[in-house]
Structure formats: C-alpha cells, structure tokens
PDBML (XML) file of the C-alpha atoms, coordinates in Angstrom:
<?xml version="1.0" encoding="UTF-8" ?>
<PDBx:datablock datablockName="MODEL"
   xmlns:PDBx="http://pdbml.pdb.org/schema/pdbx-v50.xsd"
   xmlns:xsi="http://www.w3.org/2001/XMLSchema-instance"
   xsi:schemaLocation="http://pdbml.pdb.org/schema/pdbx-v50.xsd pdbx-v50.xsd">
   <PDBx:atom_siteCategory>
      <PDBx:atom_site id="1">
         <PDBx:B_iso_or_equiv>0.00</PDBx:B_iso_or_equiv>
         <PDBx:Cartn_x>29.131</PDBx:Cartn_x>
         <PDBx:Cartn_y>-39.255</PDBx:Cartn_y>
         <PDBx:Cartn_z>67.309</PDBx:Cartn_z>
         <PDBx:auth_asym_id>A</PDBx:auth_asym_id>
         <PDBx:auth_atom_id>CA</PDBx:auth_atom_id>
         <PDBx:auth_comp_id>ALA</PDBx:auth_comp_id>
         <PDBx:auth_seq_id>1</PDBx:auth_seq_id>
         <PDBx:group_PDB>ATOM</PDBx:group_PDB>
         <PDBx:label_alt_id xsi:nil="true" />
         <PDBx:label_asym_id>A</PDBx:label_asym_id>
         <PDBx:label_atom_id>CA</PDBx:label_atom_id>
         <PDBx:label_comp_id>ALA</PDBx:label_comp_id>
         <PDBx:label_entity_id>1</PDBx:label_entity_id>
         <PDBx:label_seq_id>1</PDBx:label_seq_id>
         <PDBx:occupancy>1.00</PDBx:occupancy>
         <PDBx:pdbx_PDB_model_num>1</PDBx:pdbx_PDB_model_num>
         <PDBx:type_symbol>C</PDBx:type_symbol>
      </PDBx:atom_site>
      <PDBx:atom_site id="2">
         <PDBx:B_iso_or_equiv>0.00</PDBx:B_iso_or_equiv>
         <PDBx:Cartn_x>32.880</PDBx:Cartn_x>
         <PDBx:Cartn_y>-41.149</PDBx:Cartn_y>
         <PDBx:Cartn_z>65.625</PDBx:Cartn_z>
         <PDBx:auth_asym_id>A</PDBx:auth_asym_id>
         <PDBx:auth_atom_id>CA</PDBx:auth_atom_id>
         <PDBx:auth_comp_id>PHE</PDBx:auth_comp_id>
         <PDBx:auth_seq_id>2</PDBx:auth_seq_id>
         <PDBx:group_PDB>ATOM</PDBx:group_PDB>
         <PDBx:label_alt_id xsi:nil="true" />
         <PDBx:label_asym_id>A</PDBx:label_asym_id>
         <PDBx:label_atom_id>CA</PDBx:label_atom_id>
         <PDBx:label_comp_id>PHE</PDBx:label_comp_id>
         <PDBx:label_entity_id>1</PDBx:label_entity_id>
         <PDBx:label_seq_id>2</PDBx:label_seq_id>
         <PDBx:occupancy>1.00</PDBx:occupancy>
         <PDBx:pdbx_PDB_model_num>1</PDBx:pdbx_PDB_model_num>
         <PDBx:type_symbol>C</PDBx:type_symbol>
      </PDBx:atom_site>
      <PDBx:atom_site id="3">
         <PDBx:B_iso_or_equiv>0.00</PDBx:B_iso_or_equiv>
         <PDBx:Cartn_x>35.282</PDBx:Cartn_x>
         <PDBx:Cartn_y>-39.263</PDBx:Cartn_y>
         <PDBx:Cartn_z>67.148</PDBx:Cartn_z>
         <PDBx:auth_asym_id>A</PDBx:auth_asym_id>
         <PDBx:auth_atom_id>CA</PDBx:auth_atom_id>
         <PDBx:auth_comp_id>PRO</PDBx:auth_comp_id>
         <PDBx:auth_seq_id>3</PDBx:auth_seq_id>
         <PDBx:group_PDB>ATOM</PDBx:group_PDB>
         <PDBx:label_alt_id xsi:nil="true" />
         <PDBx:label_asym_id>A</PDBx:label_asym_id>
         <PDBx:label_atom_id>CA</PDBx:label_atom_id>
         <PDBx:label_comp_id>PRO</PDBx:label_comp_id>
         <PDBx:label_entity_id>1</PDBx:label_entity_id>
         <PDBx:label_seq_id>3</PDBx:label_seq_id>
         <PDBx:occupancy>1.00</PDBx:occupancy>
         <PDBx:pdbx_PDB_model_num>1</PDBx:pdbx_PDB_model_num>
         <PDBx:type_symbol>C</PDBx:type_symbol>
      </PDBx:atom_site>
      <PDBx:atom_site id="4">
         <PDBx:B_iso_or_equiv>0.00</PDBx:B_iso_or_equiv>
         <PDBx:Cartn_x>37.824</PDBx:Cartn_x>
         <PDBx:Cartn_y>-40.959</PDBx:Cartn_y>
         <PDBx:Cartn_z>64.667</PDBx:Cartn_z>
         <PDBx:auth_asym_id>A</PDBx:auth_asym_id>
         <PDBx:auth_atom_id>CA</PDBx:auth_atom_id>
         <PDBx:auth_comp_id>PRO</PDBx:auth_comp_id>
         <PDBx:auth_seq_id>4</PDBx:auth_seq_id>
         <PDBx:group_PDB>ATOM</PDBx:group_PDB>
         <PDBx:label_alt_id xsi:nil="true" />
         <PDBx:label_asym_id>A</PDBx:label_asym_id>
         <PDBx:label_atom_id>CA</PDBx:label_atom_id>
         <PDBx:label_comp_id>PRO</PDBx:label_comp_id>
         <PDBx:label_entity_id>1</PDBx:label_entity_id>
         <PDBx:label_seq_id>4</PDBx:label_seq_id>
         <PDBx:occupancy>1.00</PDBx:occupancy>
         <PDBx:pdbx_PDB_model_num>1</PDBx:pdbx_PDB_model_num>
         <PDBx:type_symbol>C</PDBx:type_symbol>
      </PDBx:atom_site>
      <PDBx:atom_site id="5">
         <PDBx:B_iso_or_equiv>0.00</PDBx:B_iso_or_equiv>
         <PDBx:Cartn_x>36.095</PDBx:Cartn_x>
         <PDBx:Cartn_y>-39.220</PDBx:Cartn_y>
         <PDBx:Cartn_z>61.894</PDBx:Cartn_z>
         <PDBx:auth_asym_id>A</PDBx:auth_asym_id>
         <PDBx:auth_atom_id>CA</PDBx:auth_atom_id>
         <PDBx:auth_comp_id>SER</PDBx:auth_comp_id>
         <PDBx:auth_seq_id>5</PDBx:auth_seq_id>
         <PDBx:group_PDB>ATOM</PDBx:group_PDB>
         <PDBx:label_alt_id xsi:nil="true" />
         <PDBx:label_asym_id>A</PDBx:label_asym_id>
         <PDBx:label_atom_id>CA</PDBx:label_atom_id>
         <PDBx:label_comp_id>SER</PDBx:label_comp_id>
         <PDBx:label_entity_id>1</PDBx:label_entity_id>
         <PDBx:label_seq_id>5</PDBx:label_seq_id>
         <PDBx:occupancy>1.00</PDBx:occupancy>
         <PDBx:pdbx_PDB_model_num>1</PDBx:pdbx_PDB_model_num>
         <PDBx:type_symbol>C</PDBx:type_symbol>
      </PDBx:atom_site>
      <PDBx:atom_site id="6">
         <PDBx:B_iso_or_equiv>0.00</PDBx:B_iso_or_equiv>
         <PDBx:Cartn_x>37.551</PDBx:Cartn_x>
         <PDBx:Cartn_y>-35.374</PDBx:Cartn_y>
         <PDBx:Cartn_z>62.744</PDBx:Cartn_z>
         <PDBx:auth_asym_id>A</PDBx:auth_asym_id>
         <PDBx:auth_atom_id>CA</PDBx:auth_atom_id>
         <PDBx:auth_comp_id>PHE</PDBx:auth_comp_id>
         <PDBx:auth_seq_id>6</PDBx:auth_seq_id>
         <PDBx:group_PDB>ATOM</PDBx:group_PDB>
         <PDBx:label_alt_id xsi:nil="true" />
         <PDBx:label_asym_id>A</PDBx:label_asym_id>
         <PDBx:label_atom_id>CA</PDBx:label_atom_id>
         <PDBx:label_comp_id>PHE</PDBx:label_comp_id>
         <PDBx:label_entity_id>1</PDBx:label_entity_id>
         <PDBx:label_seq_id>6</PDBx:label_seq_id>
         <PDBx:occupancy>1.00</PDBx:occupancy>
         <PDBx:pdbx_PDB_model_num>1</PDBx:pdbx_PDB_model_num>
         <PDBx:type_symbol>C</PDBx:type_symbol>
      </PDBx:atom_site>
      <PDBx:atom_site id="7">
         <PDBx:B_iso_or_equiv>0.00</PDBx:B_iso_or_equiv>
         <PDBx:Cartn_x>40.933</PDBx:Cartn_x>
         <PDBx:Cartn_y>-36.686</PDBx:Cartn_y>
         <PDBx:Cartn_z>62.504</PDBx:Cartn_z>
         <PDBx:auth_asym_id>A</PDBx:auth_asym_id>
         <PDBx:auth_atom_id>CA</PDBx:auth_atom_id>
         <PDBx:auth_comp_id>SER</PDBx:auth_comp_id>
         <PDBx:auth_seq_id>7</PDBx:auth_seq_id>
         <PDBx:group_PDB>ATOM</PDBx:group_PDB>
         <PDBx:label_alt_id xsi:nil="true" />
         <PDBx:label_asym_id>A</PDBx:label_asym_id>
         <PDBx:label_atom_id>CA</PDBx:label_atom_id>
         <PDBx:label_comp_id>SER</PDBx:label_comp_id>
         <PDBx:label_entity_id>1</PDBx:label_entity_id>
         <PDBx:label_seq_id>7</PDBx:label_seq_id>
         <PDBx:occupancy>1.00</PDBx:occupancy>
         <PDBx:pdbx_PDB_model_num>1</PDBx:pdbx_PDB_model_num>
         <PDBx:type_symbol>C</PDBx:type_symbol>
      </PDBx:atom_site>
      <PDBx:atom_site id="8">
         <PDBx:B_iso_or_equiv>0.00</PDBx:B_iso_or_equiv>
         <PDBx:Cartn_x>40.532</PDBx:Cartn_x>
         <PDBx:Cartn_y>-38.334</PDBx:Cartn_y>
         <PDBx:Cartn_z>59.209</PDBx:Cartn_z>
         <PDBx:auth_asym_id>A</PDBx:auth_asym_id>
         <PDBx:auth_atom_id>CA</PDBx:auth_atom_id>
         <PDBx:auth_comp_id>TYR</PDBx:auth_comp_id>
         <PDBx:auth_seq_id>8</PDBx:auth_seq_id>
         <PDBx:group_PDB>ATOM</PDBx:group_PDB>
         <PDBx:label_alt_id xsi:nil="true" />
         <PDBx:label_asym_id>A</PDBx:label_asym_id>
         <PDBx:label_atom_id>CA</PDBx:label_atom_id>
         <PDBx:label_comp_id>TYR</PDBx:label_comp_id>
         <PDBx:label_entity_id>1</PDBx:label_entity_id>
         <PDBx:label_seq_id>8</PDBx:label_seq_id>
         <PDBx:occupancy>1.00</PDBx:occupancy>
         <PDBx:pdbx_PDB_model_num>1</PDBx:pdbx_PDB_model_num>
         <PDBx:type_symbol>C</PDBx:type_symbol>
      </PDBx:atom_site>
      <PDBx:atom_site id="9">
         <PDBx:B_iso_or_equiv>0.00</PDBx:B_iso_or_equiv>
         <PDBx:Cartn_x>38.833</PDBx:Cartn_x>
         <PDBx:Cartn_y>-35.004</PDBx:Cartn_y>
         <PDBx:Cartn_z>57.528</PDBx:Cartn_z>
         <PDBx:auth_asym_id>A</PDBx:auth_asym_id>
         <PDBx:auth_atom_id>CA</PDBx:auth_atom_id>
         <PDBx:auth_comp_id>LEU</PDBx:auth_comp_id>
         <PDBx:auth_seq_id>9</PDBx:auth_seq_id>
         <PDBx:group_PDB>ATOM</PDBx:group_PDB>
         <PDBx:label_alt_id xsi:nil="true" />
         <PDBx:label_asym_id>A</PDBx:label_asym_id>
         <PDBx:label_atom_id>CA</PDBx:label_atom_id>
         <PDBx:label_comp_id>LEU</PDBx:label_comp_id>
         <PDBx:label_entity_id>1</PDBx:label_entity_id>
         <PDBx:label_seq_id>9</PDBx:label_seq_id>
         <PDBx:occupancy>1.00</PDBx:occupancy>
         <PDBx:pdbx_PDB_model_num>1</PDBx:pdbx_PDB_model_num>
         <PDBx:type_symbol>C</PDBx:type_symbol>
      </PDBx:atom_site>
      <PDBx:atom_site id="10">
         <PDBx:B_iso_or_equiv>0.00</PDBx:B_iso_or_equiv>
         <PDBx:Cartn_x>41.660</PDBx:Cartn_x>
         <PDBx:Cartn_y>-33.139</PDBx:Cartn_y>
         <PDBx:Cartn_z>59.149</PDBx:Cartn_z>
         <PDBx:auth_asym_id>A</PDBx:auth_asym_id>
         <PDBx:auth_atom_id>CA</PDBx:auth_atom_id>
         <PDBx:auth_comp_id>LYS</PDBx:auth_comp_id>
         <PDBx:auth_seq_id>10</PDBx:auth_seq_id>
         <PDBx:group_PDB>ATOM</PDBx:group_PDB>
         <PDBx:label_alt_id xsi:nil="true" />
         <PDBx:label_asym_id>A</PDBx:label_asym_id>
         <PDBx:label_atom_id>CA</PDBx:label_atom_id>
         <PDBx:label_comp_id>LYS</PDBx:label_comp_id>
         <PDBx:label_entity_id>1</PDBx:label_entity_id>
         <PDBx:label_seq_id>10</PDBx:label_seq_id>
         <PDBx:occupancy>1.00</PDBx:occupancy>
         <PDBx:pdbx_PDB_model_num>1</PDBx:pdbx_PDB_model_num>
         <PDBx:type_symbol>C</PDBx:type_symbol>
      </PDBx:atom_site>
      <PDBx:atom_site id="11">
         <PDBx:B_iso_or_equiv>0.00</PDBx:B_iso_or_equiv>
         <PDBx:Cartn_x>44.442</PDBx:Cartn_x>
         <PDBx:Cartn_y>-35.736</PDBx:Cartn_y>
         <PDBx:Cartn_z>57.702</PDBx:Cartn_z>
         <PDBx:auth_asym_id>A</PDBx:auth_asym_id>
         <PDBx:auth_atom_id>CA</PDBx:auth_atom_id>
         <PDBx:auth_comp_id>ASP</PDBx:auth_comp_id>
         <PDBx:auth_seq_id>11</PDBx:auth_seq_id>
         <PDBx:group_PDB>ATOM</PDBx:group_PDB>
         <PDBx:label_alt_id xsi:nil="true" />
         <PDBx:label_asym_id>A</PDBx:label_asym_id>
         <PDBx:label_atom_id>CA</PDBx:label_atom_id>
         <PDBx:label_comp_id>ASP</PDBx:label_comp_id>
         <PDBx:label_entity_id>1</PDBx:label_entity_id>
         <PDBx:label_seq_id>11</PDBx:label_seq_id>
         <PDBx:occupancy>1.00</PDBx:occupancy>
         <PDBx:pdbx_PDB_model_num>1</PDBx:pdbx_PDB_model_num>
         <PDBx:type_symbol>C</PDBx:type_symbol>
      </PDBx:atom_site>
      <PDBx:atom_site id="12">
         <PDBx:B_iso_or_equiv>0.00</PDBx:B_iso_or_equiv>
         <PDBx:Cartn_x>41.630</PDBx:Cartn_x>
         <PDBx:Cartn_y>-35.145</PDBx:Cartn_y>
         <PDBx:Cartn_z>54.359</PDBx:Cartn_z>
         <PDBx:auth_asym_id>A</PDBx:auth_asym_id>
         <PDBx:auth_atom_id>CA</PDBx:auth_atom_id>
         <PDBx:auth_comp_id>TYR</PDBx:auth_comp_id>
         <PDBx:auth_seq_id>12</PDBx:auth_seq_id>
         <PDBx:group_PDB>ATOM</PDBx:group_PDB>
         <PDBx:label_alt_id xsi:nil="true" />
         <PDBx:label_asym_id>A</PDBx:label_asym_id>
         <PDBx:label_atom_id>CA</PDBx:label_atom_id>
         <PDBx:label_comp_id>TYR</PDBx:label_comp_id>
         <PDBx:label_entity_id>1</PDBx:label_entity_id>
         <PDBx:label_seq_id>12</PDBx:label_seq_id>
         <PDBx:occupancy>1.00</PDBx:occupancy>
         <PDBx:pdbx_PDB_model_num>1</PDBx:pdbx_PDB_model_num>
         <PDBx:type_symbol>C</PDBx:type_symbol>
      </PDBx:atom_site>
      <PDBx:atom_site id="13">
         <PDBx:B_iso_or_equiv>0.00</PDBx:B_iso_or_equiv>
         <PDBx:Cartn_x>41.819</PDBx:Cartn_x>
         <PDBx:Cartn_y>-31.513</PDBx:Cartn_y>
         <PDBx:Cartn_z>54.227</PDBx:Cartn_z>
         <PDBx:auth_asym_id>A</PDBx:auth_asym_id>
         <PDBx:auth_atom_id>CA</PDBx:auth_atom_id>
         <PDBx:auth_comp_id>ILE</PDBx:auth_comp_id>
         <PDBx:auth_seq_id>13</PDBx:auth_seq_id>
         <PDBx:group_PDB>ATOM</PDBx:group_PDB>
         <PDBx:label_alt_id xsi:nil="true" />
         <PDBx:label_asym_id>A</PDBx:label_asym_id>
         <PDBx:label_atom_id>CA</PDBx:label_atom_id>
         <PDBx:label_comp_id>ILE</PDBx:label_comp_id>
         <PDBx:label_entity_id>1</PDBx:label_entity_id>
         <PDBx:label_seq_id>13</PDBx:label_seq_id>
         <PDBx:occupancy>1.00</PDBx:occupancy>
         <PDBx:pdbx_PDB_model_num>1</PDBx:pdbx_PDB_model_num>
         <PDBx:type_symbol>C</PDBx:type_symbol>
      </PDBx:atom_site>
      <PDBx:atom_site id="14">
         <PDBx:B_iso_or_equiv>0.00</PDBx:B_iso_or_equiv>
         <PDBx:Cartn_x>46.112</PDBx:Cartn_x>
         <PDBx:Cartn_y>-31.219</PDBx:Cartn_y>
         <PDBx:Cartn_z>54.786</PDBx:Cartn_z>
         <PDBx:auth_asym_id>A</PDBx:auth_asym_id>
         <PDBx:auth_atom_id>CA</PDBx:auth_atom_id>
         <PDBx:auth_comp_id>ASN</PDBx:auth_comp_id>
         <PDBx:auth_seq_id>14</PDBx:auth_seq_id>
         <PDBx:group_PDB>ATOM</PDBx:group_PDB>
         <PDBx:label_alt_id xsi:nil="true" />
         <PDBx:label_asym_id>A</PDBx:label_asym_id>
         <PDBx:label_atom_id>CA</PDBx:label_atom_id>
         <PDBx:label_comp_id>ASN</PDBx:label_comp_id>
         <PDBx:label_entity_id>1</PDBx:label_entity_id>
         <PDBx:label_seq_id>14</PDBx:label_seq_id>
         <PDBx:occupancy>1.00</PDBx:occupancy>
         <PDBx:pdbx_PDB_model_num>1</PDBx:pdbx_PDB_model_num>
         <PDBx:type_symbol>C</PDBx:type_symbol>
      </PDBx:atom_site>
      <PDBx:atom_site id="15">
         <PDBx:B_iso_or_equiv>0.00</PDBx:B_iso_or_equiv>
         <PDBx:Cartn_x>46.514</PDBx:Cartn_x>
         <PDBx:Cartn_y>-33.770</PDBx:Cartn_y>
         <PDBx:Cartn_z>52.206</PDBx:Cartn_z>
         <PDBx:auth_asym_id>A</PDBx:auth_asym_id>
         <PDBx:auth_atom_id>CA</PDBx:auth_atom_id>
         <PDBx:auth_comp_id>ILE</PDBx:auth_comp_id>
         <PDBx:auth_seq_id>15</PDBx:auth_seq_id>
         <PDBx:group_PDB>ATOM</PDBx:group_PDB>
         <PDBx:label_alt_id xsi:nil="true" />
         <PDBx:label_asym_id>A</PDBx:label_asym_id>
         <PDBx:label_atom_id>CA</PDBx:label_atom_id>
         <PDBx:label_comp_id>ILE</PDBx:label_comp_id>
         <PDBx:label_entity_id>1</PDBx:label_entity_id>
         <PDBx:label_seq_id>15</PDBx:label_seq_id>
         <PDBx:occupancy>1.00</PDBx:occupancy>
         <PDBx:pdbx_PDB_model_num>1</PDBx:pdbx_PDB_model_num>
         <PDBx:type_symbol>C</PDBx:type_symbol>
      </PDBx:atom_site>
      <PDBx:atom_site id="16">
         <PDBx:B_iso_or_equiv>0.00</PDBx:B_iso_or_equiv>
         <PDBx:Cartn_x>44.037</PDBx:Cartn_x>
         <PDBx:Cartn_y>-33.041</PDBx:Cartn_y>
         <PDBx:Cartn_z>49.256</PDBx:Cartn_z>
         <PDBx:auth_asym_id>A</PDBx:auth_asym_id>
         <PDBx:auth_atom_id>CA</PDBx:auth_atom_id>
         <PDBx:auth_comp_id>GLN</PDBx:auth_comp_id>
         <PDBx:auth_seq_id>16</PDBx:auth_seq_id>
         <PDBx:group_PDB>ATOM</PDBx:group_PDB>
         <PDBx:label_alt_id xsi:nil="true" />
         <PDBx:label_asym_id>A</PDBx:label_asym_id>
         <PDBx:label_atom_id>CA</PDBx:label_atom_id>
         <PDBx:label_comp_id>GLN</PDBx:label_comp_id>
         <PDBx:label_entity_id>1</PDBx:label_entity_id>
         <PDBx:label_seq_id>16</PDBx:label_seq_id>
         <PDBx:occupancy>1.00</PDBx:occupancy>
         <PDBx:pdbx_PDB_model_num>1</PDBx:pdbx_PDB_model_num>
         <PDBx:type_symbol>C</PDBx:type_symbol>
      </PDBx:atom_site>
      <PDBx:atom_site id="17">
         <PDBx:B_iso_or_equiv>0.00</PDBx:B_iso_or_equiv>
         <PDBx:Cartn_x>42.270</PDBx:Cartn_x>
         <PDBx:Cartn_y>-29.870</PDBx:Cartn_y>
         <PDBx:Cartn_z>49.478</PDBx:Cartn_z>
         <PDBx:auth_asym_id>A</PDBx:auth_asym_id>
         <PDBx:auth_atom_id>CA</PDBx:auth_atom_id>
         <PDBx:auth_comp_id>VAL</PDBx:auth_comp_id>
         <PDBx:auth_seq_id>17</PDBx:auth_seq_id>
         <PDBx:group_PDB>ATOM</PDBx:group_PDB>
         <PDBx:label_alt_id xsi:nil="true" />
         <PDBx:label_asym_id>A</PDBx:label_asym_id>
         <PDBx:label_atom_id>CA</PDBx:label_atom_id>
         <PDBx:label_comp_id>VAL</PDBx:label_comp_id>
         <PDBx:label_entity_id>1</PDBx:label_entity_id>
         <PDBx:label_seq_id>17</PDBx:label_seq_id>
         <PDBx:occupancy>1.00</PDBx:occupancy>
         <PDBx:pdbx_PDB_model_num>1</PDBx:pdbx_PDB_model_num>
         <PDBx:type_symbol>C</PDBx:type_symbol>
      </PDBx:atom_site>
      <PDBx:atom_site id="18">
         <PDBx:B_iso_or_equiv>0.00</PDBx:B_iso_or_equiv>
         <PDBx:Cartn_x>46.131</PDBx:Cartn_x>
         <PDBx:Cartn_y>-27.976</PDBx:Cartn_y>
         <PDBx:Cartn_z>51.464</PDBx:Cartn_z>
         <PDBx:auth_asym_id>A</PDBx:auth_asym_id>
         <PDBx:auth_atom_id>CA</PDBx:auth_atom_id>
         <PDBx:auth_comp_id>ILE</PDBx:auth_comp_id>
         <PDBx:auth_seq_id>18</PDBx:auth_seq_id>
         <PDBx:group_PDB>ATOM</PDBx:group_PDB>
         <PDBx:label_alt_id xsi:nil="true" />
         <PDBx:label_asym_id>A</PDBx:label_asym_id>
         <PDBx:label_atom_id>CA</PDBx:label_atom_id>
         <PDBx:label_comp_id>ILE</PDBx:label_comp_id>
         <PDBx:label_entity_id>1</PDBx:label_entity_id>
         <PDBx:label_seq_id>18</PDBx:label_seq_id>
         <PDBx:occupancy>1.00</PDBx:occupancy>
         <PDBx:pdbx_PDB_model_num>1</PDBx:pdbx_PDB_model_num>
         <PDBx:type_symbol>C</PDBx:type_symbol>
      </PDBx:atom_site>
      <PDBx:atom_site id="19">
         <PDBx:B_iso_or_equiv>0.00</PDBx:B_iso_or_equiv>
         <PDBx:Cartn_x>48.415</PDBx:Cartn_x>
         <PDBx:Cartn_y>-30.062</PDBx:Cartn_y>
         <PDBx:Cartn_z>49.781</PDBx:Cartn_z>
         <PDBx:auth_asym_id>A</PDBx:auth_asym_id>
         <PDBx:auth_atom_id>CA</PDBx:auth_atom_id>
         <PDBx:auth_comp_id>GLY</PDBx:auth_comp_id>
         <PDBx:auth_seq_id>19</PDBx:auth_seq_id>
         <PDBx:group_PDB>ATOM</PDBx:group_PDB>
         <PDBx:label_alt_id xsi:nil="true" />
         <PDBx:label_asym_id>A</PDBx:label_asym_id>
         <PDBx:label_atom_id>CA</PDBx:label_atom_id>
         <PDBx:label_comp_id>GLY</PDBx:label_comp_id>
         <PDBx:label_entity_id>1</PDBx:label_entity_id>
         <PDBx:label_seq_id>19</PDBx:label_seq_id>
         <PDBx:occupancy>1.00</PDBx:occupancy>
         <PDBx:pdbx_PDB_model_num>1</PDBx:pdbx_PDB_model_num>
         <PDBx:type_symbol>C</PDBx:type_symbol>
      </PDBx:atom_site>
      <PDBx:atom_site id="20">
         <PDBx:B_iso_or_equiv>0.00</PDBx:B_iso_or_equiv>
         <PDBx:Cartn_x>47.544</PDBx:Cartn_x>
         <PDBx:Cartn_y>-30.776</PDBx:Cartn_y>
         <PDBx:Cartn_z>46.997</PDBx:Cartn_z>
         <PDBx:auth_asym_id>A</PDBx:auth_asym_id>
         <PDBx:auth_atom_id>CA</PDBx:auth_atom_id>
         <PDBx:auth_comp_id>GLY</PDBx:auth_comp_id>
         <PDBx:auth_seq_id>20</PDBx:auth_seq_id>
         <PDBx:group_PDB>ATOM</PDBx:group_PDB>
         <PDBx:label_alt_id xsi:nil="true" />
         <PDBx:label_asym_id>A</PDBx:label_asym_id>
         <PDBx:label_atom_id>CA</PDBx:label_atom_id>
         <PDBx:label_comp_id>GLY</PDBx:label_comp_id>
         <PDBx:label_entity_id>1</PDBx:label_entity_id>
         <PDBx:label_seq_id>20</PDBx:label_seq_id>
         <PDBx:occupancy>1.00</PDBx:occupancy>
         <PDBx:pdbx_PDB_model_num>1</PDBx:pdbx_PDB_model_num>
         <PDBx:type_symbol>C</PDBx:type_symbol>
      </PDBx:atom_site>
      <PDBx:atom_site id="21">
         <PDBx:B_iso_or_equiv>0.00</PDBx:B_iso_or_equiv>
         <PDBx:Cartn_x>44.840</PDBx:Cartn_x>
         <PDBx:Cartn_y>-28.195</PDBx:Cartn_y>
         <PDBx:Cartn_z>46.230</PDBx:Cartn_z>
         <PDBx:auth_asym_id>A</PDBx:auth_asym_id>
         <PDBx:auth_atom_id>CA</PDBx:auth_atom_id>
         <PDBx:auth_comp_id>GLY</PDBx:auth_comp_id>
         <PDBx:auth_seq_id>21</PDBx:auth_seq_id>
         <PDBx:group_PDB>ATOM</PDBx:group_PDB>
         <PDBx:label_alt_id xsi:nil="true" />
         <PDBx:label_asym_id>A</PDBx:label_asym_id>
         <PDBx:label_atom_id>CA</PDBx:label_atom_id>
         <PDBx:label_comp_id>GLY</PDBx:label_comp_id>
         <PDBx:label_entity_id>1</PDBx:label_entity_id>
         <PDBx:label_seq_id>21</PDBx:label_seq_id>
         <PDBx:occupancy>1.00</PDBx:occupancy>
         <PDBx:pdbx_PDB_model_num>1</PDBx:pdbx_PDB_model_num>
         <PDBx:type_symbol>C</PDBx:type_symbol>
      </PDBx:atom_site>
      <PDBx:atom_site id="22">
         <PDBx:B_iso_or_equiv>0.00</PDBx:B_iso_or_equiv>
         <PDBx:Cartn_x>47.544</PDBx:Cartn_x>
         <PDBx:Cartn_y>-26.013</PDBx:Cartn_y>
         <PDBx:Cartn_z>46.652</PDBx:Cartn_z>
         <PDBx:auth_asym_id>A</PDBx:auth_asym_id>
         <PDBx:auth_atom_id>CA</PDBx:auth_atom_id>
         <PDBx:auth_comp_id>LEU</PDBx:auth_comp_id>
         <PDBx:auth_seq_id>22</PDBx:auth_seq_id>
         <PDBx:group_PDB>ATOM</PDBx:group_PDB>
         <PDBx:label_alt_id xsi:nil="true" />
         <PDBx:label_asym_id>A</PDBx:label_asym_id>
         <PDBx:label_atom_id>CA</PDBx:label_atom_id>
         <PDBx:label_comp_id>LEU</PDBx:label_comp_id>
         <PDBx:label_entity_id>1</PDBx:label_entity_id>
         <PDBx:label_seq_id>22</PDBx:label_seq_id>
         <PDBx:occupancy>1.00</PDBx:occupancy>
         <PDBx:pdbx_PDB_model_num>1</PDBx:pdbx_PDB_model_num>
         <PDBx:type_symbol>C</PDBx:type_symbol>
      </PDBx:atom_site>
      <PDBx:atom_site id="23">
         <PDBx:B_iso_or_equiv>0.00</PDBx:B_iso_or_equiv>
         <PDBx:Cartn_x>50.457</PDBx:Cartn_x>
         <PDBx:Cartn_y>-26.912</PDBx:Cartn_y>
         <PDBx:Cartn_z>46.234</PDBx:Cartn_z>
         <PDBx:auth_asym_id>A</PDBx:auth_asym_id>
         <PDBx:auth_atom_id>CA</PDBx:auth_atom_id>
         <PDBx:auth_comp_id>HIS</PDBx:auth_comp_id>
         <PDBx:auth_seq_id>23</PDBx:auth_seq_id>
         <PDBx:group_PDB>ATOM</PDBx:group_PDB>
         <PDBx:label_alt_id xsi:nil="true" />
         <PDBx:label_asym_id>A</PDBx:label_asym_id>
         <PDBx:label_atom_id>CA</PDBx:label_atom_id>
         <PDBx:label_comp_id>HIS</PDBx:label_comp_id>
         <PDBx:label_entity_id>1</PDBx:label_entity_id>
         <PDBx:label_seq_id>23</PDBx:label_seq_id>
         <PDBx:occupancy>1.00</PDBx:occupancy>
         <PDBx:pdbx_PDB_model_num>1</PDBx:pdbx_PDB_model_num>
         <PDBx:type_symbol>C</PDBx:type_symbol>
      </PDBx:atom_site>
      <PDBx:atom_site id="24">
         <PDBx:B_iso_or_equiv>0.00</PDBx:B_iso_or_equiv>
         <PDBx:Cartn_x>50.512</PDBx:Cartn_x>
         <PDBx:Cartn_y>-30.230</PDBx:Cartn_y>
         <PDBx:Cartn_z>43.725</PDBx:Cartn_z>
         <PDBx:auth_asym_id>A</PDBx:auth_asym_id>
         <PDBx:auth_atom_id>CA</PDBx:auth_atom_id>
         <PDBx:auth_comp_id>GLU</PDBx:auth_comp_id>
         <PDBx:auth_seq_id>24</PDBx:auth_seq_id>
         <PDBx:group_PDB>ATOM</PDBx:group_PDB>
         <PDBx:label_alt_id xsi:nil="true" />
         <PDBx:label_asym_id>A</PDBx:label_asym_id>
         <PDBx:label_atom_id>CA</PDBx:label_atom_id>
         <PDBx:label_comp_id>GLU</PDBx:label_comp_id>
         <PDBx:label_entity_id>1</PDBx:label_entity_id>
         <PDBx:label_seq_id>24</PDBx:label_seq_id>
         <PDBx:occupancy>1.00</PDBx:occupancy>
         <PDBx:pdbx_PDB_model_num>1</PDBx:pdbx_PDB_model_num>
         <PDBx:type_symbol>C</PDBx:type_symbol>
      </PDBx:atom_site>
   </PDBx:atom_siteCategory>
</PDBx:datablock>
C-alpha cells in the first residue's frame, strides 16, 4: 500500500539495528 515504507524500514535496519546495535 505504501511502497516508500520498504526502503524506509530497510534504511532503519541498516542504520539503527545493524549499524548501531552491532557496531556503535
């Protein structure tokens, strides 16, 4: 229904979960 949501949540996971949670 909201195609931009996919790239948004992918960015969130890369920035906050993977980038932050594992390395920051």
